[in-house]
Structures are given as C-alpha cells and as structure tokens.
Amino acid sequence: MRKPPAAQTRHISPAIIEFIARDAIKRAALAPTYADALDITGDALLAVARIVEREISHV
C-alpha cells in the first residue's frame, strides 16, 4: 500500500517567536504589578499560538 505524500509545512521563523518572547520578558519585568506582567506574558503566548495556528492551517 502506498503512503500518502508527506504534508508540506511552512517554516515558522524562530526569530519572530524569540522576538515576541524577549519583548514580553522585558516588558513584564518592568510592569508595575504582577497582574500586568501576567497579562503581558499571556498576550505573548497568544501571539505565538496565533502564528503557529496560522502556519498549521496552511498545510
């Protein structure tokens, strides 16, 4: 039995994810409250998730 062709995936640039993470860490470190820091890191995680989700949906 033949195998189906492998799905082609688009390459997610690690640089954009690293930029989002570094920016979030810097902004969270300077946040006035821990709640603000959590909001910043949560927003960064959502941004990364959206990037990955968008890349997966193109497959």
PDB file of N, CA and C in Angstrom:
ATOM      1  N   MET A   1       0.841  -1.182   0.000  1.00  0.00           N
ATOM      2  CA  MET A   1       0.000   0.000   0.000  1.00  0.00           C
ATOM      3  C   MET A   1       0.885   1.244   0.000  1.00  0.00           C
ATOM      4  N   ARG A   2       0.537   2.194  -0.828  1.00  0.00           N
ATOM      5  CA  ARG A   2       1.321   3.429  -0.931  1.00  0.00           C
ATOM      6  C   ARG A   2       1.019   4.362   0.228  1.00  0.00           C
ATOM      7  N   LYS A   3       2.054   5.043   0.647  1.00  0.00           N
ATOM      8  CA  LYS A   3       1.890   6.039   1.702  1.00  0.00           C
ATOM      9  C   LYS A   3       1.417   7.347   1.077  1.00  0.00           C
ATOM     10  N   PRO A   4       0.554   8.083   1.770  1.00  0.00           N
ATOM     11  CA  PRO A   4       0.176   9.399   1.241  1.00  0.00           C
ATOM     12  C   PRO A   4       1.390  10.320   1.281  1.00  0.00           C
ATOM     13  N   PRO A   5       1.442  11.294   0.372  1.00  0.00           N
ATOM     14  CA  PRO A   5       2.589  12.214   0.386  1.00  0.00           C
ATOM     15  C   PRO A   5       2.646  12.974   1.706  1.00  0.00           C
ATOM     16  N   ALA A   6       3.853  13.223   2.144  1.00  0.00           N
ATOM     17  CA  ALA A   6       4.038  13.961   3.393  1.00  0.00           C
ATOM     18  C   ALA A   6       3.488  15.373   3.241  1.00  0.00           C
ATOM     19  N   ALA A   7       2.822  15.825   4.274  1.00  0.00           N
ATOM     20  CA  ALA A   7       2.275  17.190   4.246  1.00  0.00           C
ATOM     21  C   ALA A   7       3.421  18.185   4.258  1.00  0.00           C
ATOM     22  N   GLN A   8       3.327  19.181   3.432  1.00  0.00           N
ATOM     23  CA  GLN A   8       4.341  20.221   3.418  1.00  0.00           C
ATOM     24  C   GLN A   8       3.959  21.274   4.446  1.00  0.00           C
ATOM     25  N   THR A   9       4.916  21.613   5.252  1.00  0.00           N
ATOM     26  CA  THR A   9       4.665  22.642   6.256  1.00  0.00           C
ATOM     27  C   THR A   9       5.513  23.857   5.934  1.00  0.00           C
ATOM     28  N   ARG A  10       4.961  25.008   6.229  1.00  0.00           N
ATOM     29  CA  ARG A  10       5.729  26.235   6.069  1.00  0.00           C
ATOM     30  C   ARG A  10       6.618  26.383   7.286  1.00  0.00           C
ATOM     31  N   HIS A  11       7.754  26.955   7.070  1.00  0.00           N
ATOM     32  CA  HIS A  11       8.718  27.136   8.145  1.00  0.00           C
ATOM     33  C   HIS A  11       8.326  28.334   9.003  1.00  0.00           C
ATOM     34  N   ILE A  12       8.211  28.108  10.288  1.00  0.00           N
ATOM     35  CA  ILE A  12       7.962  29.203  11.226  1.00  0.00           C
ATOM     36  C   ILE A  12       9.326  29.723  11.662  1.00  0.00           C
ATOM     37  N   SER A  13       9.557  30.968  11.422  1.00  0.00           N
ATOM     38  CA  SER A  13      10.850  31.558  11.767  1.00  0.00           C
ATOM     39  C   SER A  13      11.008  31.617  13.286  1.00  0.00           C
ATOM     40  N   PRO A  14      12.044  30.979  13.797  1.00  0.00           N
ATOM     41  CA  PRO A  14      12.287  31.059  15.242  1.00  0.00           C
ATOM     42  C   PRO A  14      12.570  32.496  15.690  1.00  0.00           C
ATOM     43  N   ALA A  15      13.036  33.335  14.766  1.00  0.00           N
ATOM     44  CA  ALA A  15      13.382  34.707  15.132  1.00  0.00           C
ATOM     45  C   ALA A  15      12.154  35.489  15.595  1.00  0.00           C
ATOM     46  N   ILE A  16      11.020  35.286  14.940  1.00  0.00           N
ATOM     47  CA  ILE A  16       9.823  36.037  15.341  1.00  0.00           C
ATOM     48  C   ILE A  16       9.336  35.575  16.712  1.00  0.00           C
ATOM     49  N   ILE A  17       9.417  34.289  16.972  1.00  0.00           N
ATOM     50  CA  ILE A  17       8.996  33.775  18.276  1.00  0.00           C
ATOM     51  C   ILE A  17       9.959  34.258  19.357  1.00  0.00           C
ATOM     52  N   GLU A  18      11.236  34.256  19.041  1.00  0.00           N
ATOM     53  CA  GLU A  18      12.227  34.763  20.002  1.00  0.00           C
ATOM     54  C   GLU A  18      11.996  36.248  20.281  1.00  0.00           C
ATOM     55  N   PHE A  19      11.695  37.018  19.234  1.00  0.00           N
ATOM     56  CA  PHE A  19      11.430  38.444  19.421  1.00  0.00           C
ATOM     57  C   PHE A  19      10.231  38.649  20.345  1.00  0.00           C
ATOM     58  N   ILE A  20       9.163  37.911  20.103  1.00  0.00           N
ATOM     59  CA  ILE A  20       7.959  38.044  20.930  1.00  0.00           C
ATOM     60  C   ILE A  20       8.280  37.701  22.385  1.00  0.00           C
ATOM     61  N   ALA A  21       9.029  36.612  22.591  1.00  0.00           N
ATOM     62  CA  ALA A  21       9.361  36.182  23.952  1.00  0.00           C
ATOM     63  C   ALA A  21      10.252  37.203  24.665  1.00  0.00           C
ATOM     64  N   ARG A  22      11.293  37.662  23.968  1.00  0.00           N
ATOM     65  CA  ARG A  22      12.206  38.624  24.596  1.00  0.00           C
ATOM     66  C   ARG A  22      11.493  39.940  24.927  1.00  0.00           C
ATOM     67  N   ASP A  23      10.669  40.400  24.008  1.00  0.00           N
ATOM     68  CA  ASP A  23       9.928  41.633  24.234  1.00  0.00           C
ATOM     69  C   ASP A  23       8.994  41.486  25.436  1.00  0.00           C
ATOM     70  N   ALA A  24       8.323  40.350  25.514  1.00  0.00           N
ATOM     71  CA  ALA A  24       7.401  40.121  26.632  1.00  0.00           C
ATOM     72  C   ALA A  24       8.152  40.072  27.959  1.00  0.00           C
ATOM     73  N   ILE A  25       9.295  39.421  27.969  1.00  0.00           N
ATOM     74  CA  ILE A  25      10.072  39.328  29.213  1.00  0.00           C
ATOM     75  C   ILE A  25      10.518  40.718  29.663  1.00  0.00           C
ATOM     76  N   LYS A  26      11.009  41.511  28.723  1.00  0.00           N
ATOM     77  CA  LYS A  26      11.444  42.872  29.075  1.00  0.00           C
ATOM     78  C   LYS A  26      10.283  43.696  29.619  1.00  0.00           C
ATOM     79  N   ARG A  27       9.143  43.651  28.905  1.00  0.00           N
ATOM     80  CA  ARG A  27       8.001  44.454  29.340  1.00  0.00           C
ATOM     81  C   ARG A  27       7.414  43.943  30.645  1.00  0.00           C
ATOM     82  N   ALA A  28       7.400  42.628  30.831  1.00  0.00           N
ATOM     83  CA  ALA A  28       6.869  42.063  32.071  1.00  0.00           C
ATOM     84  C   ALA A  28       7.757  42.425  33.262  1.00  0.00           C
ATOM     85  N   ALA A  29       9.058  42.446  33.043  1.00  0.00           N
ATOM     86  CA  ALA A  29       9.982  42.803  34.125  1.00  0.00           C
ATOM     87  C   ALA A  29       9.774  44.238  34.595  1.00  0.00           C
ATOM     88  N   LEU A  30       9.329  45.087  33.683  1.00  0.00           N
ATOM     89  CA  LEU A  30       9.130  46.500  34.028  1.00  0.00           C
ATOM     90  C   LEU A  30       7.676  46.833  34.360  1.00  0.00           C
ATOM     91  N   ALA A  31       6.818  45.832  34.349  1.00  0.00           N
ATOM     92  CA  ALA A  31       5.398  46.068  34.618  1.00  0.00           C
ATOM     93  C   ALA A  31       5.213  46.523  36.066  1.00  0.00           C
ATOM     94  N   PRO A  32       4.256  47.428  36.276  1.00  0.00           N
ATOM     95  CA  PRO A  32       4.064  47.959  37.630  1.00  0.00           C
ATOM     96  C   PRO A  32       3.484  46.945  38.621  1.00  0.00           C
ATOM     97  N   THR A  33       2.758  45.957  38.134  1.00  0.00           N
ATOM     98  CA  THR A  33       2.174  44.953  39.044  1.00  0.00           C
ATOM     99  C   THR A  33       2.371  43.562  38.456  1.00  0.00           C
ATOM    100  N   TYR A  34       2.249  42.552  39.324  1.00  0.00           N
ATOM    101  CA  TYR A  34       2.384  41.186  38.830  1.00  0.00           C
ATOM    102  C   TYR A  34       1.245  40.839  37.876  1.00  0.00           C
ATOM    103  N   ALA A  35       0.067  41.428  38.086  1.00  0.00           N
ATOM    104  CA  ALA A  35      -1.064  41.168  37.196  1.00  0.00           C
ATOM    105  C   ALA A  35      -0.778  41.714  35.795  1.00  0.00           C
ATOM    106  N   ASP A  36      -0.172  42.885  35.737  1.00  0.00           N
ATOM    107  CA  ASP A  36       0.208  43.442  34.437  1.00  0.00           C
ATOM    108  C   ASP A  36       1.253  42.554  33.761  1.00  0.00           C
ATOM    109  N   ALA A  37       2.202  42.048  34.539  1.00  0.00           N
ATOM    110  CA  ALA A  37       3.227  41.163  33.997  1.00  0.00           C
ATOM    111  C   ALA A  37       2.596  39.884  33.449  1.00  0.00           C
ATOM    112  N   LEU A  38       1.625  39.350  34.155  1.00  0.00           N
ATOM    113  CA  LEU A  38       0.928  38.154  33.672  1.00  0.00           C
ATOM    114  C   LEU A  38       0.141  38.441  32.403  1.00  0.00           C
ATOM    115  N   ASP A  39      -0.474  39.605  32.336  1.00  0.00           N
ATOM    116  CA  ASP A  39      -1.203  39.977  31.112  1.00  0.00           C
ATOM    117  C   ASP A  39      -0.248  40.066  29.916  1.00  0.00           C
ATOM    118  N   ILE A  40       0.904  40.642  30.135  1.00  0.00           N
ATOM    119  CA  ILE A  40       1.889  40.787  29.063  1.00  0.00           C
ATOM    120  C   ILE A  40       2.351  39.418  28.582  1.00  0.00           C
ATOM    121  N   THR A  41       2.696  38.540  29.512  1.00  0.00           N
ATOM    122  CA  THR A  41       3.173  37.214  29.105  1.00  0.00           C
ATOM    123  C   THR A  41       2.051  36.396  28.464  1.00  0.00           C
ATOM    124  N   GLY A  42       0.843  36.545  28.967  1.00  0.00           N
ATOM    125  CA  GLY A  42      -0.295  35.852  28.353  1.00  0.00           C
ATOM    126  C   GLY A  42      -0.536  36.321  26.932  1.00  0.00           C
ATOM    127  N   ASP A  43      -0.449  37.618  26.718  1.00  0.00           N
ATOM    128  CA  ASP A  43      -0.617  38.160  25.362  1.00  0.00           C
ATOM    129  C   ASP A  43       0.460  37.625  24.418  1.00  0.00           C
ATOM    130  N   ALA A  44       1.680  37.501  24.936  1.00  0.00           N
ATOM    131  CA  ALA A  44       2.773  36.975  24.116  1.00  0.00           C
ATOM    132  C   ALA A  44       2.512  35.511  23.749  1.00  0.00           C
ATOM    133  N   LEU A  45       2.042  34.737  24.702  1.00  0.00           N
ATOM    134  CA  LEU A  45       1.724  33.337  24.412  1.00  0.00           C
ATOM    135  C   LEU A  45       0.613  33.224  23.372  1.00  0.00           C
ATOM    136  N   LEU A  46      -0.373  34.070  23.480  1.00  0.00           N
ATOM    137  CA  LEU A  46      -1.449  34.065  22.480  1.00  0.00           C
ATOM    138  C   LEU A  46      -0.929  34.449  21.096  1.00  0.00           C
ATOM    139  N   ALA A  47      -0.015  35.394  21.047  1.00  0.00           N
ATOM    140  CA  ALA A  47       0.557  35.802  19.763  1.00  0.00           C
ATOM    141  C   ALA A  47       1.317  34.644  19.117  1.00  0.00           C
ATOM    142  N   VAL A  48       2.096  33.928  19.915  1.00  0.00           N
ATOM    143  CA  VAL A  48       2.827  32.773  19.391  1.00  0.00           C
ATOM    144  C   VAL A  48       1.846  31.691  18.941  1.00  0.00           C
ATOM    145  N   ALA A  49       0.815  31.459  19.727  1.00  0.00           N
ATOM    146  CA  ALA A  49      -0.186  30.451  19.360  1.00  0.00           C
ATOM    147  C   ALA A  49      -0.868  30.808  18.042  1.00  0.00           C
ATOM    148  N   ARG A  50      -1.177  32.081  17.839  1.00  0.00           N
ATOM    149  CA  ARG A  50      -1.806  32.502  16.579  1.00  0.00           C
ATOM    150  C   ARG A  50      -0.884  32.276  15.388  1.00  0.00           C
ATOM    151  N   ILE A  51       0.399  32.547  15.576  1.00  0.00           N
ATOM    152  CA  ILE A  51       1.369  32.319  14.495  1.00  0.00           C
ATOM    153  C   ILE A  51       1.408  30.838  14.137  1.00  0.00           C
ATOM    154  N   VAL A  52       1.523  29.995  15.139  1.00  0.00           N
ATOM    155  CA  VAL A  52       1.589  28.556  14.901  1.00  0.00           C
ATOM    156  C   VAL A  52       0.293  28.058  14.280  1.00  0.00           C
ATOM    157  N   GLU A  53      -0.822  28.522  14.796  1.00  0.00           N
ATOM    158  CA  GLU A  53      -2.123  28.102  14.268  1.00  0.00           C
ATOM    159  C   GLU A  53      -2.269  28.488  12.787  1.00  0.00           C
ATOM    160  N   ARG A  54      -1.840  29.691  12.458  1.00  0.00           N
ATOM    161  CA  ARG A  54      -1.922  30.170  11.078  1.00  0.00           C
ATOM    162  C   ARG A  54      -1.054  29.321  10.151  1.00  0.00           C
ATOM    163  N   GLU A  55       0.134  28.961  10.633  1.00  0.00           N
ATOM    164  CA  GLU A  55       1.030  28.133   9.834  1.00  0.00           C
ATOM    165  C   GLU A  55       0.449  26.729   9.636  1.00  0.00           C
ATOM    166  N   ILE A  56      -0.165  26.186  10.663  1.00  0.00           N
ATOM    167  CA  ILE A  56      -0.743  24.852  10.576  1.00  0.00           C
ATOM    168  C   ILE A  56      -1.937  24.854   9.621  1.00  0.00           C
ATOM    169  N   SER A  57      -2.725  25.911   9.630  1.00  0.00           N
ATOM    170  CA  SER A  57      -3.912  25.958   8.779  1.00  0.00           C
ATOM    171  C   SER A  57      -3.551  26.049   7.299  1.00  0.00           C
ATOM    172  N   HIS A  58      -2.316  26.391   6.967  1.00  0.00           N
ATOM    173  CA  HIS A  58      -1.876  26.477   5.581  1.00  0.00           C
ATOM    174  C   HIS A  58      -1.456  25.126   5.017  1.00  0.00           C
ATOM    175  N   VAL A  59      -1.424  24.122   5.871  1.00  0.00           N
ATOM    176  CA  VAL A  59      -0.974  22.791   5.433  1.00  0.00           C
ATOM    177  C   VAL A  59      -2.082  22.101   4.680  1.00  0.00           C
TER     178      VAL A  59
END
